[in-house]
Amino acid sequence: MILEKTNQRGHWPLGRVVEVFKGPDGHVRVVRVKTSKGDITRSITKLSLLEVTD
């Protein structure tokens, strides 16, 4: 889920991480997310991971 101030909790858009960008320290800091409305780039602090079960 992509956290956005404009949407209420529970109405945040869903997306899939398609690319990661690492900082100088080698840790992932920013990601490119594919959503139903297109691709967006977000800091990982603005994402909430959902657990997937098989």
PDB file of N, CA and C in Angstrom:
ATOM      1  N   MET A   1       0.849  -1.169   0.000  1.00  0.00           N
ATOM      2  CA  MET A   1       0.000   0.000   0.000  1.00  0.00           C
ATOM      3  C   MET A   1       0.893   1.230   0.000  1.00  0.00           C
ATOM      4  N   ILE A   2       0.420   2.238  -0.656  1.00  0.00           N
ATOM      5  CA  ILE A   2       1.164   3.485  -0.760  1.00  0.00           C
ATOM      6  C   ILE A   2       0.495   4.505   0.152  1.00  0.00           C
ATOM      7  N   LEU A   3       1.212   4.949   1.168  1.00  0.00           N
ATOM      8  CA  LEU A   3       0.650   5.884   2.127  1.00  0.00           C
ATOM      9  C   LEU A   3       0.558   7.271   1.507  1.00  0.00           C
ATOM     10  N   GLU A   4      -0.627   7.852   1.548  1.00  0.00           N
ATOM     11  CA  GLU A   4      -0.856   9.191   1.006  1.00  0.00           C
ATOM     12  C   GLU A   4      -1.693   9.990   1.985  1.00  0.00           C
ATOM     13  N   LYS A   5      -1.333  11.247   2.182  1.00  0.00           N
ATOM     14  CA  LYS A   5      -2.083  12.115   3.089  1.00  0.00           C
ATOM     15  C   LYS A   5      -3.466  12.454   2.550  1.00  0.00           C
ATOM     16  N   THR A   6      -3.631  12.401   1.227  1.00  0.00           N
ATOM     17  CA  THR A   6      -4.907  12.798   0.627  1.00  0.00           C
ATOM     18  C   THR A   6      -5.982  11.733   0.777  1.00  0.00           C
ATOM     19  N   ASN A   7      -5.591  10.493   1.054  1.00  0.00           N
ATOM     20  CA  ASN A   7      -6.556   9.408   1.213  1.00  0.00           C
ATOM     21  C   ASN A   7      -6.610   8.961   2.669  1.00  0.00           C
ATOM     22  N   GLN A   8      -7.779   8.542   3.109  1.00  0.00           N
ATOM     23  CA  GLN A   8      -7.928   8.028   4.460  1.00  0.00           C
ATOM     24  C   GLN A   8      -7.317   6.641   4.546  1.00  0.00           C
ATOM     25  N   ARG A   9      -6.919   6.269   5.761  1.00  0.00           N
ATOM     26  CA  ARG A   9      -6.399   4.922   5.989  1.00  0.00           C
ATOM     27  C   ARG A   9      -7.440   3.906   5.516  1.00  0.00           C
ATOM     28  N   GLY A  10      -7.000   2.884   4.847  1.00  0.00           N
ATOM     29  CA  GLY A  10      -7.908   1.888   4.293  1.00  0.00           C
ATOM     30  C   GLY A  10      -8.268   2.168   2.846  1.00  0.00           C
ATOM     31  N   HIS A  11      -7.956   3.377   2.380  1.00  0.00           N
ATOM     32  CA  HIS A  11      -8.238   3.749   0.990  1.00  0.00           C
ATOM     33  C   HIS A  11      -6.956   4.099   0.243  1.00  0.00           C
ATOM     34  N   TRP A  12      -5.825   3.663   0.790  1.00  0.00           N
ATOM     35  CA  TRP A  12      -4.552   3.903   0.128  1.00  0.00           C
ATOM     36  C   TRP A  12      -4.441   2.997  -1.093  1.00  0.00           C
ATOM     37  N   PRO A  13      -3.845   3.485  -2.164  1.00  0.00           N
ATOM     38  CA  PRO A  13      -3.739   2.663  -3.379  1.00  0.00           C
ATOM     39  C   PRO A  13      -2.764   1.494  -3.199  1.00  0.00           C
ATOM     40  N   LEU A  14      -3.036   0.424  -3.917  1.00  0.00           N
ATOM     41  CA  LEU A  14      -2.151  -0.736  -3.923  1.00  0.00           C
ATOM     42  C   LEU A  14      -1.213  -0.644  -5.106  1.00  0.00           C
ATOM     43  N   GLY A  15      -0.037  -1.204  -4.954  1.00  0.00           N
ATOM     44  CA  GLY A  15       0.917  -1.215  -6.048  1.00  0.00           C
ATOM     45  C   GLY A  15       1.916  -2.338  -5.874  1.00  0.00           C
ATOM     46  N   ARG A  16       2.706  -2.546  -6.904  1.00  0.00           N
ATOM     47  CA  ARG A  16       3.738  -3.580  -6.880  1.00  0.00           C
ATOM     48  C   ARG A  16       5.084  -2.918  -7.143  1.00  0.00           C
ATOM     49  N   VAL A  17       6.060  -3.213  -6.305  1.00  0.00           N
ATOM     50  CA  VAL A  17       7.405  -2.669  -6.484  1.00  0.00           C
ATOM     51  C   VAL A  17       8.019  -3.297  -7.728  1.00  0.00           C
ATOM     52  N   VAL A  18       8.453  -2.442  -8.659  1.00  0.00           N
ATOM     53  CA  VAL A  18       9.040  -2.932  -9.906  1.00  0.00           C
ATOM     54  C   VAL A  18      10.519  -2.578 -10.040  1.00  0.00           C
ATOM     55  N   GLU A  19      11.004  -1.657  -9.198  1.00  0.00           N
ATOM     56  CA  GLU A  19      12.412  -1.274  -9.252  1.00  0.00           C
ATOM     57  C   GLU A  19      12.807  -0.679  -7.910  1.00  0.00           C
ATOM     58  N   VAL A  20      14.036  -0.946  -7.486  1.00  0.00           N
ATOM     59  CA  VAL A  20      14.533  -0.382  -6.232  1.00  0.00           C
ATOM     60  C   VAL A  20      15.756   0.480  -6.515  1.00  0.00           C
ATOM     61  N   PHE A  21      15.929   1.517  -5.706  1.00  0.00           N
ATOM     62  CA  PHE A  21      17.067   2.420  -5.817  1.00  0.00           C
ATOM     63  C   PHE A  21      17.777   2.443  -4.469  1.00  0.00           C
ATOM     64  N   LYS A  22      19.050   2.081  -4.495  1.00  0.00           N
ATOM     65  CA  LYS A  22      19.832   2.012  -3.263  1.00  0.00           C
ATOM     66  C   LYS A  22      20.567   3.320  -3.024  1.00  0.00           C
ATOM     67  N   GLY A  23      20.771   3.621  -1.743  1.00  0.00           N
ATOM     68  CA  GLY A  23      21.548   4.784  -1.358  1.00  0.00           C
ATOM     69  C   GLY A  23      23.034   4.456  -1.410  1.00  0.00           C
ATOM     70  N   PRO A  24      23.889   5.430  -1.096  1.00  0.00           N
ATOM     71  CA  PRO A  24      25.343   5.212  -1.121  1.00  0.00           C
ATOM     72  C   PRO A  24      25.793   4.108  -0.165  1.00  0.00           C
ATOM     73  N   ASP A  25      24.985   3.849   0.860  1.00  0.00           N
ATOM     74  CA  ASP A  25      25.328   2.813   1.837  1.00  0.00           C
ATOM     75  C   ASP A  25      24.882   1.420   1.399  1.00  0.00           C
ATOM     76  N   GLY A  26      24.223   1.319   0.242  1.00  0.00           N
ATOM     77  CA  GLY A  26      23.792   0.033  -0.274  1.00  0.00           C
ATOM     78  C   GLY A  26      22.407  -0.401   0.168  1.00  0.00           C
ATOM     79  N   HIS A  27      21.752   0.373   1.032  1.00  0.00           N
ATOM     80  CA  HIS A  27      20.402   0.048   1.488  1.00  0.00           C
ATOM     81  C   HIS A  27      19.360   0.664   0.548  1.00  0.00           C
ATOM     82  N   VAL A  28      18.256  -0.049   0.371  1.00  0.00           N
ATOM     83  CA  VAL A  28      17.174   0.455  -0.477  1.00  0.00           C
ATOM     84  C   VAL A  28      16.542   1.661   0.203  1.00  0.00           C
ATOM     85  N   ARG A  29      16.416   2.753  -0.515  1.00  0.00           N
ATOM     86  CA  ARG A  29      15.849   3.998   0.024  1.00  0.00           C
ATOM     87  C   ARG A  29      14.583   4.425  -0.713  1.00  0.00           C
ATOM     88  N   VAL A  30      14.533   4.164  -2.025  1.00  0.00           N
ATOM     89  CA  VAL A  30      13.436   4.615  -2.879  1.00  0.00           C
ATOM     90  C   VAL A  30      13.057   3.456  -3.797  1.00  0.00           C
ATOM     91  N   VAL A  31      11.768   3.379  -4.136  1.00  0.00           N
ATOM     92  CA  VAL A  31      11.296   2.332  -5.044  1.00  0.00           C
ATOM     93  C   VAL A  31      10.387   2.930  -6.107  1.00  0.00           C
ATOM     94  N   ARG A  32      10.309   2.232  -7.233  1.00  0.00           N
ATOM     95  CA  ARG A  32       9.327   2.583  -8.262  1.00  0.00           C
ATOM     96  C   ARG A  32       8.212   1.564  -8.138  1.00  0.00           C
ATOM     97  N   VAL A  33       6.978   2.066  -8.026  1.00  0.00           N
ATOM     98  CA  VAL A  33       5.817   1.223  -7.779  1.00  0.00           C
ATOM     99  C   VAL A  33       4.854   1.330  -8.955  1.00  0.00           C
ATOM    100  N   LYS A  34       4.379   0.185  -9.438  1.00  0.00           N
ATOM    101  CA  LYS A  34       3.382   0.150 -10.514  1.00  0.00           C
ATOM    102  C   LYS A  34       2.009   0.068  -9.866  1.00  0.00           C
ATOM    103  N   THR A  35       1.139   1.019 -10.205  1.00  0.00           N
ATOM    104  CA  THR A  35      -0.228   1.039  -9.700  1.00  0.00           C
ATOM    105  C   THR A  35      -1.190   0.979 -10.883  1.00  0.00           C
ATOM    106  N   SER A  36      -2.466   0.940 -10.587  1.00  0.00           N
ATOM    107  CA  SER A  36      -3.464   0.916 -11.663  1.00  0.00           C
ATOM    108  C   SER A  36      -3.479   2.223 -12.455  1.00  0.00           C
ATOM    109  N   LYS A  37      -2.935   3.294 -11.871  1.00  0.00           N
ATOM    110  CA  LYS A  37      -2.912   4.601 -12.537  1.00  0.00           C
ATOM    111  C   LYS A  37      -1.565   4.929 -13.162  1.00  0.00           C
ATOM    112  N   GLY A  38      -0.605   4.002 -13.083  1.00  0.00           N
ATOM    113  CA  GLY A  38       0.717   4.241 -13.652  1.00  0.00           C
ATOM    114  C   GLY A  38       1.811   4.004 -12.629  1.00  0.00           C
ATOM    115  N   ASP A  39       3.028   4.363 -13.000  1.00  0.00           N
ATOM    116  CA  ASP A  39       4.179   4.172 -12.123  1.00  0.00           C
ATOM    117  C   ASP A  39       4.439   5.429 -11.307  1.00  0.00           C
ATOM    118  N   ILE A  40       4.832   5.222 -10.044  1.00  0.00           N
ATOM    119  CA  ILE A  40       5.220   6.336  -9.189  1.00  0.00           C
ATOM    120  C   ILE A  40       6.493   5.962  -8.446  1.00  0.00           C
ATOM    121  N   THR A  41       7.243   6.959  -8.031  1.00  0.00           N
ATOM    122  CA  THR A  41       8.454   6.748  -7.257  1.00  0.00           C
ATOM    123  C   THR A  41       8.208   7.264  -5.851  1.00  0.00           C
ATOM    124  N   ARG A  42       8.520   6.415  -4.858  1.00  0.00           N
ATOM    125  CA  ARG A  42       8.250   6.769  -3.465  1.00  0.00           C
ATOM    126  C   ARG A  42       9.399   6.325  -2.565  1.00  0.00           C
ATOM    127  N   SER A  43       9.587   7.061  -1.490  1.00  0.00           N
ATOM    128  CA  SER A  43      10.494   6.644  -0.428  1.00  0.00           C
ATOM    129  C   SER A  43       9.906   5.406   0.239  1.00  0.00           C
ATOM    130  N   ILE A  44      10.757   4.511   0.707  1.00  0.00           N
ATOM    131  CA  ILE A  44      10.241   3.302   1.349  1.00  0.00           C
ATOM    132  C   ILE A  44       9.510   3.620   2.647  1.00  0.00           C
ATOM    133  N   THR A  45       9.733   4.805   3.202  1.00  0.00           N
ATOM    134  CA  THR A  45       9.023   5.187   4.426  1.00  0.00           C
ATOM    135  C   THR A  45       7.563   5.511   4.151  1.00  0.00           C
ATOM    136  N   LYS A  46       7.196   5.674   2.888  1.00  0.00           N
ATOM    137  CA  LYS A  46       5.815   5.978   2.503  1.00  0.00           C
ATOM    138  C   LYS A  46       5.078   4.753   1.978  1.00  0.00           C
ATOM    139  N   LEU A  47       5.603   3.560   2.293  1.00  0.00           N
ATOM    140  CA  LEU A  47       4.979   2.311   1.869  1.00  0.00           C
ATOM    141  C   LEU A  47       4.627   1.470   3.083  1.00  0.00           C
ATOM    142  N   SER A  48       3.618   0.667   2.935  1.00  0.00           N
ATOM    143  CA  SER A  48       3.246  -0.308   3.954  1.00  0.00           C
ATOM    144  C   SER A  48       3.159  -1.660   3.258  1.00  0.00           C
ATOM    145  N   LEU A  49       4.004  -2.591   3.664  1.00  0.00           N
ATOM    146  CA  LEU A  49       4.051  -3.890   3.009  1.00  0.00           C
ATOM    147  C   LEU A  49       2.881  -4.759   3.436  1.00  0.00           C
ATOM    148  N   LEU A  50       2.343  -5.482   2.480  1.00  0.00           N
ATOM    149  CA  LEU A  50       1.285  -6.445   2.754  1.00  0.00           C
ATOM    150  C   LEU A  50       1.875  -7.843   2.669  1.00  0.00           C
ATOM    151  N   GLU A  51       1.464  -8.697   3.580  1.00  0.00           N
ATOM    152  CA  GLU A  51       1.951 -10.068   3.587  1.00  0.00           C
ATOM    153  C   GLU A  51       1.170 -10.892   2.573  1.00  0.00           C
ATOM    154  N   VAL A  52       1.888 -11.662   1.768  1.00  0.00           N
ATOM    155  CA  VAL A  52       1.258 -12.507   0.758  1.00  0.00           C
ATOM    156  C   VAL A  52       1.341 -13.952   1.224  1.00  0.00           C
ATOM    157  N   THR A  53       0.211 -14.654   1.171  1.00  0.00           N
ATOM    158  CA  THR A  53       0.209 -16.070   1.519  1.00  0.00           C
ATOM    159  C   THR A  53      -0.100 -16.891   0.282  1.00  0.00           C
ATOM    160  N   ASP A  54       0.518 -18.038   0.196  1.00  0.00           N
ATOM    161  CA  ASP A  54       0.300 -18.916  -0.963  1.00  0.00           C
ATOM    162  C   ASP A  54      -0.798 -19.912  -0.707  1.00  0.00           C
TER     163      ASP A  54
END
